[in-house]
PDB file of N, CA and C in Angstrom:
ATOM      1  N   MET A   1      15.849 -11.441  15.948  1.00  0.00           N
ATOM      2  CA  MET A   1      16.852 -11.833  14.700  1.00  0.00           C
ATOM      3  C   MET A   1      17.207 -10.516  14.684  1.00  0.00           C
ATOM      4  N   ASP A   2      18.582 -10.923  14.140  1.00  0.00           N
ATOM      5  CA  ASP A   2      20.157  -9.350  14.664  1.00  0.00           C
ATOM      6  C   ASP A   2      18.509  -8.971  13.253  1.00  0.00           C
ATOM      7  N   GLY A   3      18.849  -7.299  13.652  1.00  0.00           N
ATOM      8  CA  GLY A   3      18.980  -6.730  12.017  1.00  0.00           C
ATOM      9  C   GLY A   3      17.446  -6.069  12.179  1.00  0.00           C
ATOM     10  N   ILE A   4      16.567  -6.702  12.668  1.00  0.00           N
ATOM     11  CA  ILE A   4      14.573  -6.552  12.225  1.00  0.00           C
ATOM     12  C   ILE A   4      14.673  -5.057  13.106  1.00  0.00           C
ATOM     13  N   ILE A   5      13.997  -4.453  12.363  1.00  0.00           N
ATOM     14  CA  ILE A   5      13.474  -3.219  13.570  1.00  0.00           C
ATOM     15  C   ILE A   5      11.919  -3.214  13.958  1.00  0.00           C
ATOM     16  N   GLU A   6      11.128  -3.678  14.506  1.00  0.00           N
ATOM     17  CA  GLU A   6       9.674  -3.860  14.445  1.00  0.00           C
ATOM     18  C   GLU A   6       9.411  -2.179  14.948  1.00  0.00           C
ATOM     19  N   PRO A   7       8.441  -1.908  14.186  1.00  0.00           N
ATOM     20  CA  PRO A   7       7.643  -0.562  13.413  1.00  0.00           C
ATOM     21  C   PRO A   7       6.972   0.222  15.072  1.00  0.00           C
ATOM     22  N   SER A   8       6.877   0.711  15.730  1.00  0.00           N
ATOM     23  CA  SER A   8       6.505   1.444  16.461  1.00  0.00           C
ATOM     24  C   SER A   8       4.862   1.253  16.490  1.00  0.00           C
ATOM     25  N   GLU A   9       4.134   1.828  17.559  1.00  0.00           N
ATOM     26  CA  GLU A   9       2.628   1.526  17.242  1.00  0.00           C
ATOM     27  C   GLU A   9       1.817   1.966  16.760  1.00  0.00           C
ATOM     28  N   ASP A  10       2.513   4.272  16.911  1.00  0.00           N
ATOM     29  CA  ASP A  10       2.644   4.993  16.101  1.00  0.00           C
ATOM     30  C   ASP A  10       2.176   4.730  13.919  1.00  0.00           C
ATOM     31  N   PHE A  11       3.074   4.027  13.963  1.00  0.00           N
ATOM     32  CA  PHE A  11       3.581   4.351  12.436  1.00  0.00           C
ATOM     33  C   PHE A  11       2.856   3.092  12.099  1.00  0.00           C
ATOM     34  N   MET A  12       2.444   1.889  12.794  1.00  0.00           N
ATOM     35  CA  MET A  12       1.671   0.593  12.116  1.00  0.00           C
ATOM     36  C   MET A  12       0.316   1.521  12.065  1.00  0.00           C
ATOM     37  N   LYS A  13      -0.297   2.010  13.065  1.00  0.00           N
ATOM     38  CA  LYS A  13      -1.808   2.607  13.170  1.00  0.00           C
ATOM     39  C   LYS A  13      -1.625   3.812  12.316  1.00  0.00           C
ATOM     40  N   GLY A  14      -0.590   4.458  11.634  1.00  0.00           N
ATOM     41  CA  GLY A  14      -0.595   5.271  10.300  1.00  0.00           C
ATOM     42  C   GLY A  14      -0.646   4.997   9.184  1.00  0.00           C
ATOM     43  N   PHE A  15      -0.132   3.690   8.768  1.00  0.00           N
ATOM     44  CA  PHE A  15       0.381   2.831   8.120  1.00  0.00           C
ATOM     45  C   PHE A  15      -1.269   2.039   8.088  1.00  0.00           C
ATOM     46  N   ASN A  16      -2.272   1.796   8.926  1.00  0.00           N
ATOM     47  CA  ASN A  16      -3.138   0.809   8.920  1.00  0.00           C
ATOM     48  C   ASN A  16      -3.938   2.139   8.273  1.00  0.00           C
ATOM     49  N   HIS A  17      -4.388   3.199   8.428  1.00  0.00           N
ATOM     50  CA  HIS A  17      -5.120   4.131   8.473  1.00  0.00           C
ATOM     51  C   HIS A  17      -4.985   4.701   7.218  1.00  0.00           C
ATOM     52  N   GLY A  18      -3.860   4.972   6.498  1.00  0.00           N
ATOM     53  CA  GLY A  18      -3.559   5.278   5.190  1.00  0.00           C
ATOM     54  C   GLY A  18      -4.033   4.128   4.632  1.00  0.00           C
ATOM     55  N   TYR A  19      -3.471   3.180   4.393  1.00  0.00           N
ATOM     56  CA  TYR A  19      -4.447   1.857   4.145  1.00  0.00           C
ATOM     57  C   TYR A  19      -5.222   1.579   3.489  1.00  0.00           C
ATOM     58  N   GLU A  20      -6.354   1.783   4.726  1.00  0.00           N
ATOM     59  CA  GLU A  20      -7.836   1.774   4.562  1.00  0.00           C
ATOM     60  C   GLU A  20      -8.853   3.629   4.151  1.00  0.00           C
ATOM     61  N   ILE A  21      -7.121   4.387   4.456  1.00  0.00           N
ATOM     62  CA  ILE A  21      -8.359   5.553   3.910  1.00  0.00           C
ATOM     63  C   ILE A  21      -8.244   5.918   2.630  1.00  0.00           C
ATOM     64  N   SER A  22      -6.715   5.643   2.121  1.00  0.00           N
ATOM     65  CA  SER A  22      -6.689   5.360   0.612  1.00  0.00           C
ATOM     66  C   SER A  22      -7.816   4.568  -0.224  1.00  0.00           C
ATOM     67  N   ARG A  23      -7.846   2.935   0.622  1.00  0.00           N
ATOM     68  CA  ARG A  23      -9.006   2.427  -0.347  1.00  0.00           C
ATOM     69  C   ARG A  23     -10.523   2.918  -0.354  1.00  0.00           C
ATOM     70  N   ASP A  24     -11.007   3.246   0.875  1.00  0.00           N
ATOM     71  CA  ASP A  24     -12.171   3.566   1.106  1.00  0.00           C
ATOM     72  C   ASP A  24     -12.666   5.163   0.629  1.00  0.00           C
ATOM     73  N   ASN A  25     -12.074   5.958   1.438  1.00  0.00           N
ATOM     74  CA  ASN A  25     -12.405   7.216   1.746  1.00  0.00           C
ATOM     75  C   ASN A  25     -11.121   8.806   1.719  1.00  0.00           C
ATOM     76  N   PRO A  26     -10.428   8.531  -0.027  1.00  0.00           N
ATOM     77  CA  PRO A  26      -9.263   9.025  -0.457  1.00  0.00           C
ATOM     78  C   PRO A  26      -9.344  11.110  -0.017  1.00  0.00           C
ATOM     79  N   GLU A  27     -11.387  11.321  -0.217  1.00  0.00           N
ATOM     80  CA  GLU A  27     -10.651  12.529   0.289  1.00  0.00           C
ATOM     81  C   GLU A  27     -10.876  12.727   1.542  1.00  0.00           C
ATOM     82  N   MET A  28     -10.748  12.900   2.739  1.00  0.00           N
ATOM     83  CA  MET A  28     -10.645  12.187   4.440  1.00  0.00           C
ATOM     84  C   MET A  28      -8.680  11.979   4.540  1.00  0.00           C
ATOM     85  N   LYS A  29      -8.252  12.232   3.461  1.00  0.00           N
ATOM     86  CA  LYS A  29      -6.837  12.100   3.662  1.00  0.00           C
ATOM     87  C   LYS A  29      -6.223  13.275   3.818  1.00  0.00           C
ATOM     88  N   ASP A  30      -6.244  14.481   3.998  1.00  0.00           N
ATOM     89  CA  ASP A  30      -6.036  15.687   3.824  1.00  0.00           C
ATOM     90  C   ASP A  30      -6.768  16.535   5.072  1.00  0.00           C
ATOM     91  N   THR A  31      -7.817  16.246   5.016  1.00  0.00           N
ATOM     92  CA  THR A  31      -8.367  16.464   6.874  1.00  0.00           C
ATOM     93  C   THR A  31      -7.838  15.925   7.873  1.00  0.00           C
ATOM     94  N   ILE A  32      -7.608  14.489   7.660  1.00  0.00           N
ATOM     95  CA  ILE A  32      -7.027  13.738   9.127  1.00  0.00           C
ATOM     96  C   ILE A  32      -5.113  14.000   9.216  1.00  0.00           C
ATOM     97  N   LEU A  33      -4.341  14.094   8.102  1.00  0.00           N
ATOM     98  CA  LEU A  33      -2.951  14.826   8.197  1.00  0.00           C
ATOM     99  C   LEU A  33      -3.266  16.031   8.276  1.00  0.00           C
ATOM    100  N   SER A  34      -3.954  17.481   8.447  1.00  0.00           N
ATOM    101  CA  SER A  34      -3.825  18.423   8.827  1.00  0.00           C
ATOM    102  C   SER A  34      -4.206  18.600  10.443  1.00  0.00           C
ATOM    103  N   ALA A  35      -4.425  17.194  11.232  1.00  0.00           N
ATOM    104  CA  ALA A  35      -4.283  17.318  12.664  1.00  0.00           C
ATOM    105  C   ALA A  35      -3.339  17.720  13.321  1.00  0.00           C
ATOM    106  N   LYS A  36      -3.083  18.767  13.967  1.00  0.00           N
ATOM    107  CA  LYS A  36      -2.055  19.293  14.944  1.00  0.00           C
ATOM    108  C   LYS A  36      -1.456  17.907  15.771  1.00  0.00           C
ATOM    109  N   ASP A  37      -0.126  17.726  15.952  1.00  0.00           N
ATOM    110  CA  ASP A  37       0.968  17.479  16.768  1.00  0.00           C
ATOM    111  C   ASP A  37       0.208  15.914  16.366  1.00  0.00           C
ATOM    112  N   LEU A  38      -0.221  15.523  14.927  1.00  0.00           N
ATOM    113  CA  LEU A  38       0.016  13.613  15.164  1.00  0.00           C
ATOM    114  C   LEU A  38       1.668  13.528  15.246  1.00  0.00           C
ATOM    115  N   PRO A  39       2.104  12.357  15.723  1.00  0.00           N
ATOM    116  CA  PRO A  39       3.020  11.756  15.921  1.00  0.00           C
ATOM    117  C   PRO A  39       3.937  11.269  14.134  1.00  0.00           C
ATOM    118  N   GLU A  40       5.634  11.808  14.365  1.00  0.00           N
ATOM    119  CA  GLU A  40       6.083  12.127  12.945  1.00  0.00           C
ATOM    120  C   GLU A  40       6.105  10.203  12.385  1.00  0.00           C
ATOM    121  N   ASP A  41       6.023   9.185  13.421  1.00  0.00           N
ATOM    122  CA  ASP A  41       5.478   8.182  13.058  1.00  0.00           C
ATOM    123  C   ASP A  41       4.464   7.722  12.402  1.00  0.00           C
ATOM    124  N   TYR A  42       3.270   8.210  13.188  1.00  0.00           N
ATOM    125  CA  TYR A  42       2.205   8.157  11.910  1.00  0.00           C
ATOM    126  C   TYR A  42       2.294   8.313  11.131  1.00  0.00           C
ATOM    127  N   VAL A  43       2.512  10.063  10.461  1.00  0.00           N
ATOM    128  CA  VAL A  43       2.845  10.231   9.116  1.00  0.00           C
ATOM    129  C   VAL A  43       3.420   9.812   8.573  1.00  0.00           C
ATOM    130  N   ILE A  44       4.722   9.306   8.867  1.00  0.00           N
ATOM    131  CA  ILE A  44       5.131   8.507   7.952  1.00  0.00           C
ATOM    132  C   ILE A  44       4.124   7.005   7.087  1.00  0.00           C
ATOM    133  N   GLY A  45       4.252   6.038   8.750  1.00  0.00           N
ATOM    134  CA  GLY A  45       3.236   5.648   8.313  1.00  0.00           C
ATOM    135  C   GLY A  45       2.026   5.221   7.061  1.00  0.00           C
ATOM    136  N   PHE A  46       1.381   6.070   7.662  1.00  0.00           N
ATOM    137  CA  PHE A  46       0.593   7.021   6.365  1.00  0.00           C
ATOM    138  C   PHE A  46       0.371   6.542   5.276  1.00  0.00           C
ATOM    139  N   GLY A  47       1.782   7.652   4.523  1.00  0.00           N
ATOM    140  CA  GLY A  47       2.010   7.746   4.011  1.00  0.00           C
ATOM    141  C   GLY A  47       2.324   6.189   3.022  1.00  0.00           C
ATOM    142  N   ASP A  48       3.311   5.119   4.148  1.00  0.00           N
ATOM    143  CA  ASP A  48       3.287   4.419   3.243  1.00  0.00           C
ATOM    144  C   ASP A  48       2.042   3.481   2.983  1.00  0.00           C
ATOM    145  N   GLY A  49       1.227   3.311   3.847  1.00  0.00           N
ATOM    146  CA  GLY A  49       0.084   2.449   3.523  1.00  0.00           C
ATOM    147  C   GLY A  49      -0.500   3.278   1.983  1.00  0.00           C
ATOM    148  N   GLU A  50      -0.764   4.561   2.222  1.00  0.00           N
ATOM    149  CA  GLU A  50      -1.284   4.166   0.707  1.00  0.00           C
ATOM    150  C   GLU A  50      -0.515   3.964  -0.045  1.00  0.00           C
ATOM    151  N   LEU A  51       1.074   4.168  -0.355  1.00  0.00           N
ATOM    152  CA  LEU A  51       1.778   3.742  -1.256  1.00  0.00           C
ATOM    153  C   LEU A  51       1.480   1.832  -1.552  1.00  0.00           C
ATOM    154  N   GLN A  52       1.289   1.460  -0.542  1.00  0.00           N
ATOM    155  CA  GLN A  52       1.324  -0.331  -0.414  1.00  0.00           C
ATOM    156  C   GLN A  52      -0.173  -0.178  -0.800  1.00  0.00           C
ATOM    157  N   TYR A  53      -0.961   0.065  -0.768  1.00  0.00           N
ATOM    158  CA  TYR A  53      -2.382   0.214  -1.245  1.00  0.00           C
ATOM    159  C   TYR A  53      -2.086   0.932  -2.448  1.00  0.00           C
ATOM    160  N   ASP A  54      -1.814   1.810  -3.536  1.00  0.00           N
ATOM    161  CA  ASP A  54      -1.807   1.797  -4.454  1.00  0.00           C
ATOM    162  C   ASP A  54      -0.862   0.116  -5.286  1.00  0.00           C
ATOM    163  N   ARG A  55       0.113   0.210  -4.781  1.00  0.00           N
ATOM    164  CA  ARG A  55       0.853  -0.975  -5.456  1.00  0.00           C
ATOM    165  C   ARG A  55      -0.229  -2.287  -5.116  1.00  0.00           C
ATOM    166  N   ASP A  56      -0.963  -2.155  -4.211  1.00  0.00           N
ATOM    167  CA  ASP A  56      -1.618  -4.139  -4.476  1.00  0.00           C
ATOM    168  C   ASP A  56      -2.626  -2.975  -5.265  1.00  0.00           C
ATOM    169  N   ARG A  57      -3.804  -2.193  -5.254  1.00  0.00           N
ATOM    170  CA  ARG A  57      -4.350  -2.258  -6.561  1.00  0.00           C
ATOM    171  C   ARG A  57      -3.653  -1.742  -8.056  1.00  0.00           C
ATOM    172  N   ILE A  58      -2.869  -1.420  -8.128  1.00  0.00           N
ATOM    173  CA  ILE A  58      -2.261  -1.232  -9.897  1.00  0.00           C
ATOM    174  C   ILE A  58      -1.441  -3.191 -10.530  1.00  0.00           C
ATOM    175  N   ARG A  59      -1.625  -4.130  -9.045  1.00  0.00           N
ATOM    176  CA  ARG A  59      -0.958  -5.351  -9.150  1.00  0.00           C
ATOM    177  C   ARG A  59      -2.425  -5.957  -9.575  1.00  0.00           C
ATOM    178  N   ASP A  60      -3.575  -5.828  -9.075  1.00  0.00           N
ATOM    179  CA  ASP A  60      -4.936  -6.371  -8.994  1.00  0.00           C
ATOM    180  C   ASP A  60      -5.304  -5.989  -9.938  1.00  0.00           C
ATOM    181  N   GLU A  61      -5.013  -4.712 -10.707  1.00  0.00           N
ATOM    182  CA  GLU A  61      -5.449  -4.989 -12.262  1.00  0.00           C
ATOM    183  C   GLU A  61      -5.054  -5.099 -13.706  1.00  0.00           C
ATOM    184  N   PHE A  62      -3.789  -5.393 -12.787  1.00  0.00           N
ATOM    185  CA  PHE A  62      -2.685  -6.098 -13.911  1.00  0.00           C
ATOM    186  C   PHE A  62      -3.011  -7.343 -13.700  1.00  0.00           C
ATOM    187  N   ILE A  63      -3.423  -7.970 -12.634  1.00  0.00           N
ATOM    188  CA  ILE A  63      -3.691  -9.221 -12.829  1.00  0.00           C
ATOM    189  C   ILE A  63      -5.335  -9.990 -13.339  1.00  0.00           C
ATOM    190  N   GLN A  64      -5.722  -8.671 -13.098  1.00  0.00           N
ATOM    191  CA  GLN A  64      -7.421  -8.820 -14.338  1.00  0.00           C
ATOM    192  C   GLN A  64      -7.551  -8.612 -15.195  1.00  0.00           C
ATOM    193  N   ILE A  65      -6.117  -7.732 -15.860  1.00  0.00           N
ATOM    194  CA  ILE A  65      -5.702  -7.826 -17.613  1.00  0.00           C
ATOM    195  C   ILE A  65      -5.319  -9.140 -18.137  1.00  0.00           C
ATOM    196  N   GLU A  66      -4.684  -9.816 -17.243  1.00  0.00           N
ATOM    197  CA  GLU A  66      -4.154 -10.660 -17.533  1.00  0.00           C
ATOM    198  C   GLU A  66      -5.020 -12.037 -18.058  1.00  0.00           C
ATOM    199  N   ARG A  67      -6.415 -11.952 -16.709  1.00  0.00           N
ATOM    200  CA  ARG A  67      -7.253 -12.669 -16.896  1.00  0.00           C
ATOM    201  C   ARG A  67      -8.242 -12.123 -17.532  1.00  0.00           C
ATOM    202  N   GLU A  68      -8.438 -10.548 -18.205  1.00  0.00           N
ATOM    203  CA  GLU A  68      -9.294 -10.932 -19.873  1.00  0.00           C
ATOM    204  C   GLU A  68      -8.655 -11.554 -20.307  1.00  0.00           C
ATOM    205  N   ASN A  69      -7.824 -11.476 -20.812  1.00  0.00           N
ATOM    206  CA  ASN A  69      -7.059 -11.513 -21.668  1.00  0.00           C
ATOM    207  C   ASN A  69      -6.579 -12.985 -22.085  1.00  0.00           C
ATOM    208  N   GLY A  70      -6.182 -13.929 -21.025  1.00  0.00           N
ATOM    209  CA  GLY A  70      -6.480 -15.140 -21.348  1.00  0.00           C
ATOM    210  C   GLY A  70      -5.250 -15.358 -21.957  1.00  0.00           C
ATOM    211  N   LEU A  71      -4.240 -14.542 -20.436  1.00  0.00           N
ATOM    212  CA  LEU A  71      -2.817 -14.938 -20.041  1.00  0.00           C
ATOM    213  C   LEU A  71      -2.494 -15.476 -18.816  1.00  0.00           C
ATOM    214  N   ASP A  72      -1.645 -16.594 -18.615  1.00  0.00           N
ATOM    215  CA  ASP A  72      -1.581 -16.814 -17.188  1.00  0.00           C
ATOM    216  C   ASP A  72       0.515 -16.576 -17.558  1.00  0.00           C
ATOM    217  N   GLU A  73       0.561 -15.374 -16.116  1.00  0.00           N
ATOM    218  CA  GLU A  73       1.626 -15.529 -15.347  1.00  0.00           C
ATOM    219  C   GLU A  73       3.053 -16.599 -15.510  1.00  0.00           C
ATOM    220  N   ASP A  74       1.838 -17.553 -15.219  1.00  0.00           N
ATOM    221  CA  ASP A  74       3.524 -18.738 -14.857  1.00  0.00           C
ATOM    222  C   ASP A  74       3.424 -19.282 -16.273  1.00  0.00           C
ATOM    223  N   ALA A  75       2.484 -19.059 -17.166  1.00  0.00           N
ATOM    224  CA  ALA A  75       3.257 -19.655 -18.610  1.00  0.00           C
ATOM    225  C   ALA A  75       4.693 -19.059 -18.997  1.00  0.00           C
ATOM    226  N   ASP A  76       5.181 -20.093 -19.934  1.00  0.00           N
ATOM    227  CA  ASP A  76       6.518 -20.181 -20.714  1.00  0.00           C
ATOM    228  C   ASP A  76       5.729 -19.324 -21.595  1.00  0.00           C
ATOM    229  N   MET A  77       6.299 -18.035 -21.940  1.00  0.00           N
ATOM    230  CA  MET A  77       6.242 -17.400 -23.249  1.00  0.00           C
ATOM    231  C   MET A  77       7.114 -17.290 -24.525  1.00  0.00           C
ATOM    232  N   GLY A  78       8.176 -18.588 -24.270  1.00  0.00           N
ATOM    233  CA  GLY A  78       8.902 -18.410 -25.148  1.00  0.00           C
ATOM    234  C   GLY A  78      10.150 -17.436 -25.063  1.00  0.00           C
ATOM    235  N   MET A  79       9.909 -17.112 -23.896  1.00  0.00           N
ATOM    236  CA  MET A  79      11.531 -15.638 -23.775  1.00  0.00           C
ATOM    237  C   MET A  79      12.154 -16.504 -22.390  1.00  0.00           C
ATOM    238  N   GLU A  80      13.797 -16.085 -23.451  1.00  0.00           N
ATOM    239  CA  GLU A  80      14.908 -16.833 -22.516  1.00  0.00           C
ATOM    240  C   GLU A  80      15.173 -15.941 -21.364  1.00  0.00           C
ATOM    241  N   TYR A  81      15.370 -16.774 -20.324  1.00  0.00           N
ATOM    242  CA  TYR A  81      16.074 -15.667 -19.062  1.00  0.00           C
ATOM    243  C   TYR A  81      17.438 -15.932 -18.931  1.00  0.00           C
TER     244      TYR A  81
END
């Protein structure tokens, strides 16, 4: 497809590491990012992975709150669109 740019291997590694470390061991972040000679794509990917984890975590928290309060996100609550 035209216009689609495939991320570099370094970006993908960084993204996956950023997501996993944010989820499993966030205190390791500074240690990893302090390593010398990290590829720029890795560092950018790492940051994007952290952001994605935060988005997923917040979304999951909202879903849990909706469930606990008996709210159905698909139900029409009388709101006009």
